Amino acid sequence: LREGFELPSDAAFANFVAYSKGSVGEVIMRLHSAHQKRLVTDQEL
């Protein structure tokens, strides 16, 4: 988000927001995996 904000166009910024959105999905996928290993509680997940 910070890197994209510094770019000259909103279209370029949008690409970096999309990368950020993808990272949100990756975090959730990995938290699900950690939950299956009982490292994350139901409530936290």
ModelCIF file with pLDDT and N, C-alpha, C, O atoms, coordinates in Angstrom:
data_MODEL
#
_entry.id   MODEL 
#
_entity.id                         1 
_entity.type                       polymer 
_entity.pdbx_number_of_molecules   1 
#
_entity_poly.entity_id                      1 
_entity_poly.type                           'polypeptide(L)' 
_entity_poly.nstd_linkage                   no 
_entity_poly.nstd_monomer                   no 
_entity_poly.pdbx_seq_one_letter_code       LREGFELPSDAAFANFVAYSKGSVGEVIMRLHSAHQKRLVTDQEL 
_entity_poly.pdbx_seq_one_letter_code_can   LREGFELPSDAAFANFVAYSKGSVGEVIMRLHSAHQKRLVTDQEL 
_entity_poly.pdbx_strand_id                 A 
#
loop_
_entity_poly_seq.entity_id 
_entity_poly_seq.num 
_entity_poly_seq.mon_id 
_entity_poly_seq.hetero 
1 1  LEU n 
1 2  ARG n 
1 3  GLU n 
1 4  GLY n 
1 5  PHE n 
1 6  GLU n 
1 7  LEU n 
1 8  PRO n 
1 9  SER n 
1 10 ASP n 
1 11 ALA n 
1 12 ALA n 
1 13 PHE n 
1 14 ALA n 
1 15 ASN n 
1 16 PHE n 
1 17 VAL n 
1 18 ALA n 
1 19 TYR n 
1 20 SER n 
1 21 LYS n 
1 22 GLY n 
1 23 SER n 
1 24 VAL n 
1 25 GLY n 
1 26 GLU n 
1 27 VAL n 
1 28 ILE n 
1 29 MET n 
1 30 ARG n 
1 31 LEU n 
1 32 HIS n 
1 33 SER n 
1 34 ALA n 
1 35 HIS n 
1 36 GLN n 
1 37 LYS n 
1 38 ARG n 
1 39 LEU n 
1 40 VAL n 
1 41 THR n 
1 42 ASP n 
1 43 GLN n 
1 44 GLU n 
1 45 LEU n 
#
_struct_asym.id          A 
_struct_asym.entity_id   1 
#
loop_
_ma_qa_metric.id 
_ma_qa_metric.mode 
_ma_qa_metric.name 
_ma_qa_metric.software_group_id 
_ma_qa_metric.type 
1 global pLDDT . pLDDT 
2 local  pLDDT . pLDDT 
#
_ma_qa_metric_global.metric_id      1 
_ma_qa_metric_global.metric_value   96.29 
_ma_qa_metric_global.model_id       1 
_ma_qa_metric_global.ordinal_id     1 
#
loop_
_ma_qa_metric_local.label_asym_id 
_ma_qa_metric_local.label_comp_id 
_ma_qa_metric_local.label_seq_id 
_ma_qa_metric_local.metric_id 
_ma_qa_metric_local.metric_value 
_ma_qa_metric_local.model_id 
_ma_qa_metric_local.ordinal_id 
A LEU 1  2 98.00 1 1  
A ARG 2  2 97.00 1 2  
A GLU 3  2 96.00 1 3  
A GLY 4  2 96.00 1 4  
A PHE 5  2 95.00 1 5  
A GLU 6  2 93.00 1 6  
A LEU 7  2 92.00 1 7  
A PRO 8  2 90.00 1 8  
A SER 9  2 92.00 1 9  
A ASP 10 2 93.00 1 10 
A ALA 11 2 94.00 1 11 
A ALA 12 2 95.00 1 12 
A PHE 13 2 96.00 1 13 
A ALA 14 2 97.00 1 14 
A ASN 15 2 97.00 1 15 
A PHE 16 2 98.00 1 16 
A VAL 17 2 98.00 1 17 
A ALA 18 2 98.00 1 18 
A TYR 19 2 98.00 1 19 
A SER 20 2 98.00 1 20 
A LYS 21 2 98.00 1 21 
A GLY 22 2 98.00 1 22 
A SER 23 2 98.00 1 23 
A VAL 24 2 98.00 1 24 
A GLY 25 2 98.00 1 25 
A GLU 26 2 98.00 1 26 
A VAL 27 2 98.00 1 27 
A ILE 28 2 98.00 1 28 
A MET 29 2 97.00 1 29 
A ARG 30 2 97.00 1 30 
A LEU 31 2 97.00 1 31 
A HIS 32 2 97.00 1 32 
A SER 33 2 95.00 1 33 
A ALA 34 2 96.00 1 34 
A HIS 35 2 97.00 1 35 
A GLN 36 2 96.00 1 36 
A LYS 37 2 94.00 1 37 
A ARG 38 2 95.00 1 38 
A LEU 39 2 95.00 1 39 
A VAL 40 2 96.00 1 40 
A THR 41 2 96.00 1 41 
A ASP 42 2 97.00 1 42 
A GLN 43 2 98.00 1 43 
A GLU 44 2 97.00 1 44 
A LEU 45 2 98.00 1 45 
#
loop_
_atom_site.group_PDB 
_atom_site.id 
_atom_site.type_symbol 
_atom_site.label_atom_id 
_atom_site.label_alt_id 
_atom_site.label_comp_id 
_atom_site.label_asym_id 
_atom_site.label_entity_id 
_atom_site.label_seq_id 
_atom_site.pdbx_PDB_ins_code 
_atom_site.Cartn_x 
_atom_site.Cartn_y 
_atom_site.Cartn_z 
_atom_site.occupancy 
_atom_site.B_iso_or_equiv 
_atom_site.pdbx_formal_charge 
_atom_site.auth_seq_id 
_atom_site.auth_comp_id 
_atom_site.auth_asym_id 
_atom_site.auth_atom_id 
_atom_site.pdbx_PDB_model_num 
ATOM 1   N N  . LEU A 1 1  ? 0.837   -1.200  0.000   1.00 98.00 ? 1  LEU A N  1 
ATOM 2   C CA . LEU A 1 1  ? 0.000   0.000   0.000   1.00 98.00 ? 1  LEU A CA 1 
ATOM 3   C C  . LEU A 1 1  ? 0.876   1.255   0.000   1.00 98.00 ? 1  LEU A C  1 
ATOM 4   O O  . LEU A 1 1  ? 0.625   2.198   -0.750  1.00 98.00 ? 1  LEU A O  1 
ATOM 5   N N  . ARG A 1 2  ? 1.891   1.254   0.839   1.00 97.00 ? 2  ARG A N  1 
ATOM 6   C CA . ARG A 1 2  ? 2.790   2.401   0.929   1.00 97.00 ? 2  ARG A CA 1 
ATOM 7   C C  . ARG A 1 2  ? 3.554   2.591   -0.379  1.00 97.00 ? 2  ARG A C  1 
ATOM 8   O O  . ARG A 1 2  ? 3.671   3.713   -0.872  1.00 97.00 ? 2  ARG A O  1 
ATOM 9   N N  . GLU A 1 3  ? 4.070   1.509   -0.937  1.00 96.00 ? 3  GLU A N  1 
ATOM 10  C CA . GLU A 1 3  ? 4.829   1.595   -2.180  1.00 96.00 ? 3  GLU A CA 1 
ATOM 11  C C  . GLU A 1 3  ? 3.940   2.081   -3.330  1.00 96.00 ? 3  GLU A C  1 
ATOM 12  O O  . GLU A 1 3  ? 4.344   2.951   -4.102  1.00 96.00 ? 3  GLU A O  1 
ATOM 13  N N  . GLY A 1 4  ? 2.754   1.531   -3.443  1.00 96.00 ? 4  GLY A N  1 
ATOM 14  C CA . GLY A 1 4  ? 1.844   1.934   -4.510  1.00 96.00 ? 4  GLY A CA 1 
ATOM 15  C C  . GLY A 1 4  ? 1.413   3.380   -4.411  1.00 96.00 ? 4  GLY A C  1 
ATOM 16  O O  . GLY A 1 4  ? 1.223   4.048   -5.428  1.00 96.00 ? 4  GLY A O  1 
ATOM 17  N N  . PHE A 1 5  ? 1.258   3.866   -3.196  1.00 95.00 ? 5  PHE A N  1 
ATOM 18  C CA . PHE A 1 5  ? 0.846   5.254   -2.985  1.00 95.00 ? 5  PHE A CA 1 
ATOM 19  C C  . PHE A 1 5  ? 1.863   6.230   -3.573  1.00 95.00 ? 5  PHE A C  1 
ATOM 20  O O  . PHE A 1 5  ? 1.509   7.333   -3.990  1.00 95.00 ? 5  PHE A O  1 
ATOM 21  N N  . GLU A 1 6  ? 3.114   5.818   -3.601  1.00 93.00 ? 6  GLU A N  1 
ATOM 22  C CA . GLU A 1 6  ? 4.179   6.684   -4.110  1.00 93.00 ? 6  GLU A CA 1 
ATOM 23  C C  . GLU A 1 6  ? 4.279   6.700   -5.628  1.00 93.00 ? 6  GLU A C  1 
ATOM 24  O O  . GLU A 1 6  ? 5.037   7.497   -6.182  1.00 93.00 ? 6  GLU A O  1 
ATOM 25  N N  . LEU A 1 7  ? 3.542   5.849   -6.305  1.00 92.00 ? 7  LEU A N  1 
ATOM 26  C CA . LEU A 1 7  ? 3.614   5.782   -7.761  1.00 92.00 ? 7  LEU A CA 1 
ATOM 27  C C  . LEU A 1 7  ? 2.814   6.920   -8.391  1.00 92.00 ? 7  LEU A C  1 
ATOM 28  O O  . LEU A 1 7  ? 1.918   7.479   -7.758  1.00 92.00 ? 7  LEU A O  1 
ATOM 29  N N  . PRO A 1 8  ? 3.136   7.260   -9.627  1.00 90.00 ? 8  PRO A N  1 
ATOM 30  C CA . PRO A 1 8  ? 2.547   8.455   -10.233 1.00 90.00 ? 8  PRO A CA 1 
ATOM 31  C C  . PRO A 1 8  ? 1.078   8.345   -10.651 1.00 90.00 ? 8  PRO A C  1 
ATOM 32  O O  . PRO A 1 8  ? 0.404   9.370   -10.751 1.00 90.00 ? 8  PRO A O  1 
ATOM 33  N N  . SER A 1 9  ? 0.568   7.156   -10.894 1.00 92.00 ? 9  SER A N  1 
ATOM 34  C CA . SER A 1 9  ? -0.819  7.058   -11.376 1.00 92.00 ? 9  SER A CA 1 
ATOM 35  C C  . SER A 1 9  ? -1.667  6.196   -10.447 1.00 92.00 ? 9  SER A C  1 
ATOM 36  O O  . SER A 1 9  ? -1.169  5.324   -9.735  1.00 92.00 ? 9  SER A O  1 
ATOM 37  N N  . ASP A 1 10 ? -2.969  6.478   -10.486 1.00 93.00 ? 10 ASP A N  1 
ATOM 38  C CA . ASP A 1 10 ? -3.891  5.658   -9.704  1.00 93.00 ? 10 ASP A CA 1 
ATOM 39  C C  . ASP A 1 10 ? -3.964  4.229   -10.234 1.00 93.00 ? 10 ASP A C  1 
ATOM 40  O O  . ASP A 1 10 ? -4.195  3.291   -9.471  1.00 93.00 ? 10 ASP A O  1 
ATOM 41  N N  . ALA A 1 11 ? -3.767  4.064   -11.548 1.00 94.00 ? 11 ALA A N  1 
ATOM 42  C CA . ALA A 1 11 ? -3.778  2.708   -12.118 1.00 94.00 ? 11 ALA A CA 1 
ATOM 43  C C  . ALA A 1 11 ? -2.622  1.880   -11.554 1.00 94.00 ? 11 ALA A C  1 
ATOM 44  O O  . ALA A 1 11 ? -2.793  0.703   -11.237 1.00 94.00 ? 11 ALA A O  1 
ATOM 45  N N  . ALA A 1 12 ? -1.447  2.502   -11.433 1.00 95.00 ? 12 ALA A N  1 
ATOM 46  C CA . ALA A 1 12 ? -0.290  1.801   -10.862 1.00 95.00 ? 12 ALA A CA 1 
ATOM 47  C C  . ALA A 1 12 ? -0.537  1.504   -9.383  1.00 95.00 ? 12 ALA A C  1 
ATOM 48  O O  . ALA A 1 12 ? -0.210  0.421   -8.896  1.00 95.00 ? 12 ALA A O  1 
ATOM 49  N N  . PHE A 1 13 ? -1.117  2.473   -8.676  1.00 96.00 ? 13 PHE A N  1 
ATOM 50  C CA . PHE A 1 13 ? -1.442  2.277   -7.266  1.00 96.00 ? 13 PHE A CA 1 
ATOM 51  C C  . PHE A 1 13 ? -2.420  1.111   -7.122  1.00 96.00 ? 13 PHE A C  1 
ATOM 52  O O  . PHE A 1 13 ? -2.282  0.292   -6.213  1.00 96.00 ? 13 PHE A O  1 
ATOM 53  N N  . ALA A 1 14 ? -3.404  1.034   -8.013  1.00 97.00 ? 14 ALA A N  1 
ATOM 54  C CA . ALA A 1 14 ? -4.397  -0.042  -7.949  1.00 97.00 ? 14 ALA A CA 1 
ATOM 55  C C  . ALA A 1 14 ? -3.729  -1.412  -8.020  1.00 97.00 ? 14 ALA A C  1 
ATOM 56  O O  . ALA A 1 14 ? -4.153  -2.346  -7.340  1.00 97.00 ? 14 ALA A O  1 
ATOM 57  N N  . ASN A 1 15 ? -2.691  -1.533  -8.837  1.00 97.00 ? 15 ASN A N  1 
ATOM 58  C CA . ASN A 1 15 ? -1.981  -2.812  -8.930  1.00 97.00 ? 15 ASN A CA 1 
ATOM 59  C C  . ASN A 1 15 ? -1.378  -3.208  -7.588  1.00 97.00 ? 15 ASN A C  1 
ATOM 60  O O  . ASN A 1 15 ? -1.421  -4.379  -7.210  1.00 97.00 ? 15 ASN A O  1 
ATOM 61  N N  . PHE A 1 16 ? -0.822  -2.248  -6.869  1.00 98.00 ? 16 PHE A N  1 
ATOM 62  C CA . PHE A 1 16 ? -0.215  -2.550  -5.574  1.00 98.00 ? 16 PHE A CA 1 
ATOM 63  C C  . PHE A 1 16 ? -1.268  -2.837  -4.514  1.00 98.00 ? 16 PHE A C  1 
ATOM 64  O O  . PHE A 1 16 ? -1.030  -3.638  -3.610  1.00 98.00 ? 16 PHE A O  1 
ATOM 65  N N  . VAL A 1 17 ? -2.422  -2.198  -4.611  1.00 98.00 ? 17 VAL A N  1 
ATOM 66  C CA . VAL A 1 17 ? -3.523  -2.534  -3.702  1.00 98.00 ? 17 VAL A CA 1 
ATOM 67  C C  . VAL A 1 17 ? -3.958  -3.974  -3.974  1.00 98.00 ? 17 VAL A C  1 
ATOM 68  O O  . VAL A 1 17 ? -4.293  -4.712  -3.046  1.00 98.00 ? 17 VAL A O  1 
ATOM 69  N N  . ALA A 1 18 ? -3.952  -4.368  -5.239  1.00 98.00 ? 18 ALA A N  1 
ATOM 70  C CA . ALA A 1 18 ? -4.297  -5.757  -5.587  1.00 98.00 ? 18 ALA A CA 1 
ATOM 71  C C  . ALA A 1 18 ? -3.277  -6.737  -5.016  1.00 98.00 ? 18 ALA A C  1 
ATOM 72  O O  . ALA A 1 18 ? -3.651  -7.809  -4.541  1.00 98.00 ? 18 ALA A O  1 
ATOM 73  N N  . TYR A 1 19 ? -1.997  -6.383  -5.056  1.00 98.00 ? 19 TYR A N  1 
ATOM 74  C CA . TYR A 1 19 ? -0.972  -7.245  -4.446  1.00 98.00 ? 19 TYR A CA 1 
ATOM 75  C C  . TYR A 1 19 ? -1.229  -7.366  -2.942  1.00 98.00 ? 19 TYR A C  1 
ATOM 76  O O  . TYR A 1 19 ? -1.122  -8.451  -2.372  1.00 98.00 ? 19 TYR A O  1 
ATOM 77  N N  . SER A 1 20 ? -1.568  -6.242  -2.309  1.00 98.00 ? 20 SER A N  1 
ATOM 78  C CA . SER A 1 20 ? -1.870  -6.262  -0.876  1.00 98.00 ? 20 SER A CA 1 
ATOM 79  C C  . SER A 1 20 ? -3.051  -7.172  -0.577  1.00 98.00 ? 20 SER A C  1 
ATOM 80  O O  . SER A 1 20 ? -3.039  -7.929  0.394   1.00 98.00 ? 20 SER A O  1 
ATOM 81  N N  . LYS A 1 21 ? -4.063  -7.087  -1.421  1.00 98.00 ? 21 LYS A N  1 
ATOM 82  C CA . LYS A 1 21 ? -5.251  -7.922  -1.251  1.00 98.00 ? 21 LYS A CA 1 
ATOM 83  C C  . LYS A 1 21 ? -4.875  -9.401  -1.352  1.00 98.00 ? 21 LYS A C  1 
ATOM 84  O O  . LYS A 1 21 ? -5.378  -10.230 -0.594  1.00 98.00 ? 21 LYS A O  1 
ATOM 85  N N  . GLY A 1 22 ? -3.996  -9.718  -2.282  1.00 98.00 ? 22 GLY A N  1 
ATOM 86  C CA . GLY A 1 22 ? -3.517  -11.092 -2.405  1.00 98.00 ? 22 GLY A CA 1 
ATOM 87  C C  . GLY A 1 22 ? -2.775  -11.548 -1.163  1.00 98.00 ? 22 GLY A C  1 
ATOM 88  O O  . GLY A 1 22 ? -2.892  -12.703 -0.754  1.00 98.00 ? 22 GLY A O  1 
ATOM 89  N N  . SER A 1 23 ? -2.012  -10.646 -0.561  1.00 98.00 ? 23 SER A N  1 
ATOM 90  C CA . SER A 1 23 ? -1.281  -10.981 0.664   1.00 98.00 ? 23 SER A CA 1 
ATOM 91  C C  . SER A 1 23 ? -2.236  -11.231 1.821   1.00 98.00 ? 23 SER A C  1 
ATOM 92  O O  . SER A 1 23 ? -1.967  -12.082 2.669   1.00 98.00 ? 23 SER A O  1 
ATOM 93  N N  . VAL A 1 24 ? -3.344  -10.505 1.869   1.00 98.00 ? 24 VAL A N  1 
ATOM 94  C CA . VAL A 1 24 ? -4.358  -10.763 2.896   1.00 98.00 ? 24 VAL A CA 1 
ATOM 95  C C  . VAL A 1 24 ? -4.852  -12.201 2.763   1.00 98.00 ? 24 VAL A C  1 
ATOM 96  O O  . VAL A 1 24 ? -4.987  -12.915 3.757   1.00 98.00 ? 24 VAL A O  1 
ATOM 97  N N  . GLY A 1 25 ? -5.120  -12.618 1.530   1.00 98.00 ? 25 GLY A N  1 
ATOM 98  C CA . GLY A 1 25 ? -5.557  -13.995 1.291   1.00 98.00 ? 25 GLY A CA 1 
ATOM 99  C C  . GLY A 1 25 ? -4.514  -15.013 1.705   1.00 98.00 ? 25 GLY A C  1 
ATOM 100 O O  . GLY A 1 25 ? -4.845  -16.062 2.259   1.00 98.00 ? 25 GLY A O  1 
ATOM 101 N N  . GLU A 1 26 ? -3.248  -14.702 1.435   1.00 98.00 ? 26 GLU A N  1 
ATOM 102 C CA . GLU A 1 26 ? -2.175  -15.619 1.829   1.00 98.00 ? 26 GLU A CA 1 
ATOM 103 C C  . GLU A 1 26 ? -2.088  -15.741 3.346   1.00 98.00 ? 26 GLU A C  1 
ATOM 104 O O  . GLU A 1 26 ? -1.920  -16.842 3.870   1.00 98.00 ? 26 GLU A O  1 
ATOM 105 N N  . VAL A 1 27 ? -2.200  -14.620 4.053   1.00 98.00 ? 27 VAL A N  1 
ATOM 106 C CA . VAL A 1 27 ? -2.146  -14.667 5.523   1.00 98.00 ? 27 VAL A CA 1 
ATOM 107 C C  . VAL A 1 27 ? -3.258  -15.555 6.050   1.00 98.00 ? 27 VAL A C  1 
ATOM 108 O O  . VAL A 1 27 ? -3.024  -16.395 6.919   1.00 98.00 ? 27 VAL A O  1 
ATOM 109 N N  . ILE A 1 28 ? -4.463  -15.376 5.533   1.00 98.00 ? 28 ILE A N  1 
ATOM 110 C CA . ILE A 1 28 ? -5.594  -16.177 6.016   1.00 98.00 ? 28 ILE A CA 1 
ATOM 111 C C  . ILE A 1 28 ? -5.385  -17.656 5.718   1.00 98.00 ? 28 ILE A C  1 
ATOM 112 O O  . ILE A 1 28 ? -5.659  -18.506 6.566   1.00 98.00 ? 28 ILE A O  1 
ATOM 113 N N  . MET A 1 29 ? -4.902  -17.966 4.521   1.00 97.00 ? 29 MET A N  1 
ATOM 114 C CA . MET A 1 29 ? -4.654  -19.371 4.172   1.00 97.00 ? 29 MET A CA 1 
ATOM 115 C C  . MET A 1 29 ? -3.637  -19.981 5.142   1.00 97.00 ? 29 MET A C  1 
ATOM 116 O O  . MET A 1 29 ? -3.812  -21.109 5.601   1.00 97.00 ? 29 MET A O  1 
ATOM 117 N N  . ARG A 1 30 ? -2.592  -19.241 5.447   1.00 97.00 ? 30 ARG A N  1 
ATOM 118 C CA . ARG A 1 30 ? -1.559  -19.756 6.350   1.00 97.00 ? 30 ARG A CA 1 
ATOM 119 C C  . ARG A 1 30 ? -2.054  -19.820 7.801   1.00 97.00 ? 30 ARG A C  1 
ATOM 120 O O  . ARG A 1 30 ? -1.636  -20.699 8.554   1.00 97.00 ? 30 ARG A O  1 
ATOM 121 N N  . LEU A 1 31 ? -2.928  -18.909 8.192   1.00 97.00 ? 31 LEU A N  1 
ATOM 122 C CA . LEU A 1 31 ? -3.522  -18.996 9.532   1.00 97.00 ? 31 LEU A CA 1 
ATOM 123 C C  . LEU A 1 31 ? -4.430  -20.216 9.638   1.00 97.00 ? 31 LEU A C  1 
ATOM 124 O O  . LEU A 1 31 ? -4.484  -20.854 10.689  1.00 97.00 ? 31 LEU A O  1 
ATOM 125 N N  . HIS A 1 32 ? -5.140  -20.546 8.570   1.00 97.00 ? 32 HIS A N  1 
ATOM 126 C CA . HIS A 1 32 ? -5.950  -21.778 8.569   1.00 97.00 ? 32 HIS A CA 1 
ATOM 127 C C  . HIS A 1 32 ? -5.051  -22.997 8.793   1.00 97.00 ? 32 HIS A C  1 
ATOM 128 O O  . HIS A 1 32 ? -5.387  -23.904 9.554   1.00 97.00 ? 32 HIS A O  1 
ATOM 129 N N  . SER A 1 33 ? -3.924  -22.995 8.128   1.00 95.00 ? 33 SER A N  1 
ATOM 130 C CA . SER A 1 33 ? -2.982  -24.101 8.285   1.00 95.00 ? 33 SER A CA 1 
ATOM 131 C C  . SER A 1 33 ? -2.462  -24.157 9.729   1.00 95.00 ? 33 SER A C  1 
ATOM 132 O O  . SER A 1 33 ? -2.366  -25.235 10.316  1.00 95.00 ? 33 SER A O  1 
ATOM 133 N N  . ALA A 1 34 ? -2.132  -23.006 10.290  1.00 96.00 ? 34 ALA A N  1 
ATOM 134 C CA . ALA A 1 34 ? -1.664  -22.954 11.685  1.00 96.00 ? 34 ALA A CA 1 
ATOM 135 C C  . ALA A 1 34 ? -2.778  -23.389 12.638  1.00 96.00 ? 34 ALA A C  1 
ATOM 136 O O  . ALA A 1 34 ? -2.510  -24.011 13.666  1.00 96.00 ? 34 ALA A O  1 
ATOM 137 N N  . HIS A 1 35 ? -4.004  -23.067 12.305  1.00 97.00 ? 35 HIS A N  1 
ATOM 138 C CA . HIS A 1 35 ? -5.151  -23.481 13.120  1.00 97.00 ? 35 HIS A CA 1 
ATOM 139 C C  . HIS A 1 35 ? -5.288  -25.001 13.125  1.00 97.00 ? 35 HIS A C  1 
ATOM 140 O O  . HIS A 1 35 ? -5.584  -25.598 14.160  1.00 97.00 ? 35 HIS A O  1 
ATOM 141 N N  . GLN A 1 36 ? -5.074  -25.617 11.976  1.00 96.00 ? 36 GLN A N  1 
ATOM 142 C CA . GLN A 1 36 ? -5.149  -27.072 11.900  1.00 96.00 ? 36 GLN A CA 1 
ATOM 143 C C  . GLN A 1 36 ? -4.077  -27.738 12.752  1.00 96.00 ? 36 GLN A C  1 
ATOM 144 O O  . GLN A 1 36 ? -4.247  -28.871 13.203  1.00 96.00 ? 36 GLN A O  1 
ATOM 145 N N  . LYS A 1 37 ? -2.989  -27.040 12.967  1.00 94.00 ? 37 LYS A N  1 
ATOM 146 C CA . LYS A 1 37 ? -1.920  -27.563 13.822  1.00 94.00 ? 37 LYS A CA 1 
ATOM 147 C C  . LYS A 1 37 ? -2.093  -27.106 15.277  1.00 94.00 ? 37 LYS A C  1 
ATOM 148 O O  . LYS A 1 37 ? -1.205  -27.300 16.108  1.00 94.00 ? 37 LYS A O  1 
ATOM 149 N N  . ARG A 1 38 ? -3.230  -26.507 15.566  1.00 95.00 ? 38 ARG A N  1 
ATOM 150 C CA . ARG A 1 38 ? -3.592  -26.054 16.911  1.00 95.00 ? 38 ARG A CA 1 
ATOM 151 C C  . ARG A 1 38 ? -2.686  -24.934 17.436  1.00 95.00 ? 38 ARG A C  1 
ATOM 152 O O  . ARG A 1 38 ? -2.466  -24.816 18.642  1.00 95.00 ? 38 ARG A O  1 
ATOM 153 N N  . LEU A 1 39 ? -2.171  -24.123 16.526  1.00 95.00 ? 39 LEU A N  1 
ATOM 154 C CA . LEU A 1 39 ? -1.346  -22.968 16.909  1.00 95.00 ? 39 LEU A CA 1 
ATOM 155 C C  . LEU A 1 39 ? -2.189  -21.703 17.011  1.00 95.00 ? 39 LEU A C  1 
ATOM 156 O O  . LEU A 1 39 ? -1.772  -20.712 17.610  1.00 95.00 ? 39 LEU A O  1 
ATOM 157 N N  . VAL A 1 40 ? -3.370  -21.748 16.424  1.00 96.00 ? 40 VAL A N  1 
ATOM 158 C CA . VAL A 1 40 ? -4.297  -20.616 16.409  1.00 96.00 ? 40 VAL A CA 1 
ATOM 159 C C  . VAL A 1 40 ? -5.648  -21.139 16.876  1.00 96.00 ? 40 VAL A C  1 
ATOM 160 O O  . VAL A 1 40 ? -6.104  -22.189 16.425  1.00 96.00 ? 40 VAL A O  1 
ATOM 161 N N  . THR A 1 41 ? -6.285  -20.401 17.781  1.00 96.00 ? 41 THR A N  1 
ATOM 162 C CA . THR A 1 41 ? -7.579  -20.842 18.303  1.00 96.00 ? 41 THR A CA 1 
ATOM 163 C C  . THR A 1 41 ? -8.694  -20.577 17.296  1.00 96.00 ? 41 THR A C  1 
ATOM 164 O O  . THR A 1 41 ? -8.526  -19.818 16.342  1.00 96.00 ? 41 THR A O  1 
ATOM 165 N N  . ASP A 1 42 ? -9.832  -21.219 17.532  1.00 97.00 ? 42 ASP A N  1 
ATOM 166 C CA . ASP A 1 42 ? -11.013 -20.990 16.688  1.00 97.00 ? 42 ASP A CA 1 
ATOM 167 C C  . ASP A 1 42 ? -11.393 -19.515 16.686  1.00 97.00 ? 42 ASP A C  1 
ATOM 168 O O  . ASP A 1 42 ? -11.673 -18.930 15.640  1.00 97.00 ? 42 ASP A O  1 
ATOM 169 N N  . GLN A 1 43 ? -11.395 -18.928 17.874  1.00 98.00 ? 43 GLN A N  1 
ATOM 170 C CA . GLN A 1 43 ? -11.794 -17.522 18.018  1.00 98.00 ? 43 GLN A CA 1 
ATOM 171 C C  . GLN A 1 43 ? -10.814 -16.592 17.296  1.00 98.00 ? 43 GLN A C  1 
ATOM 172 O O  . GLN A 1 43 ? -11.240 -15.654 16.622  1.00 98.00 ? 43 GLN A O  1 
ATOM 173 N N  . GLU A 1 44 ? -9.522  -16.838 17.430  1.00 97.00 ? 44 GLU A N  1 
ATOM 174 C CA . GLU A 1 44 ? -8.525  -16.004 16.751  1.00 97.00 ? 44 GLU A CA 1 
ATOM 175 C C  . GLU A 1 44 ? -8.672  -16.099 15.232  1.00 97.00 ? 44 GLU A C  1 
ATOM 176 O O  . GLU A 1 44 ? -8.621  -15.092 14.526  1.00 97.00 ? 44 GLU A O  1 
ATOM 177 N N  . LEU A 1 45 ? -8.853  -17.307 14.753  1.00 98.00 ? 45 LEU A N  1 
ATOM 178 C CA . LEU A 1 45 ? -9.009  -17.496 13.319  1.00 98.00 ? 45 LEU A CA 1 
ATOM 179 C C  . LEU A 1 45 ? -10.274 -16.793 12.825  1.00 98.00 ? 45 LEU A C  1 
ATOM 180 O O  . LEU A 1 45 ? -10.581 -16.838 11.634  1.00 98.00 ? 45 LEU A O  1 
#
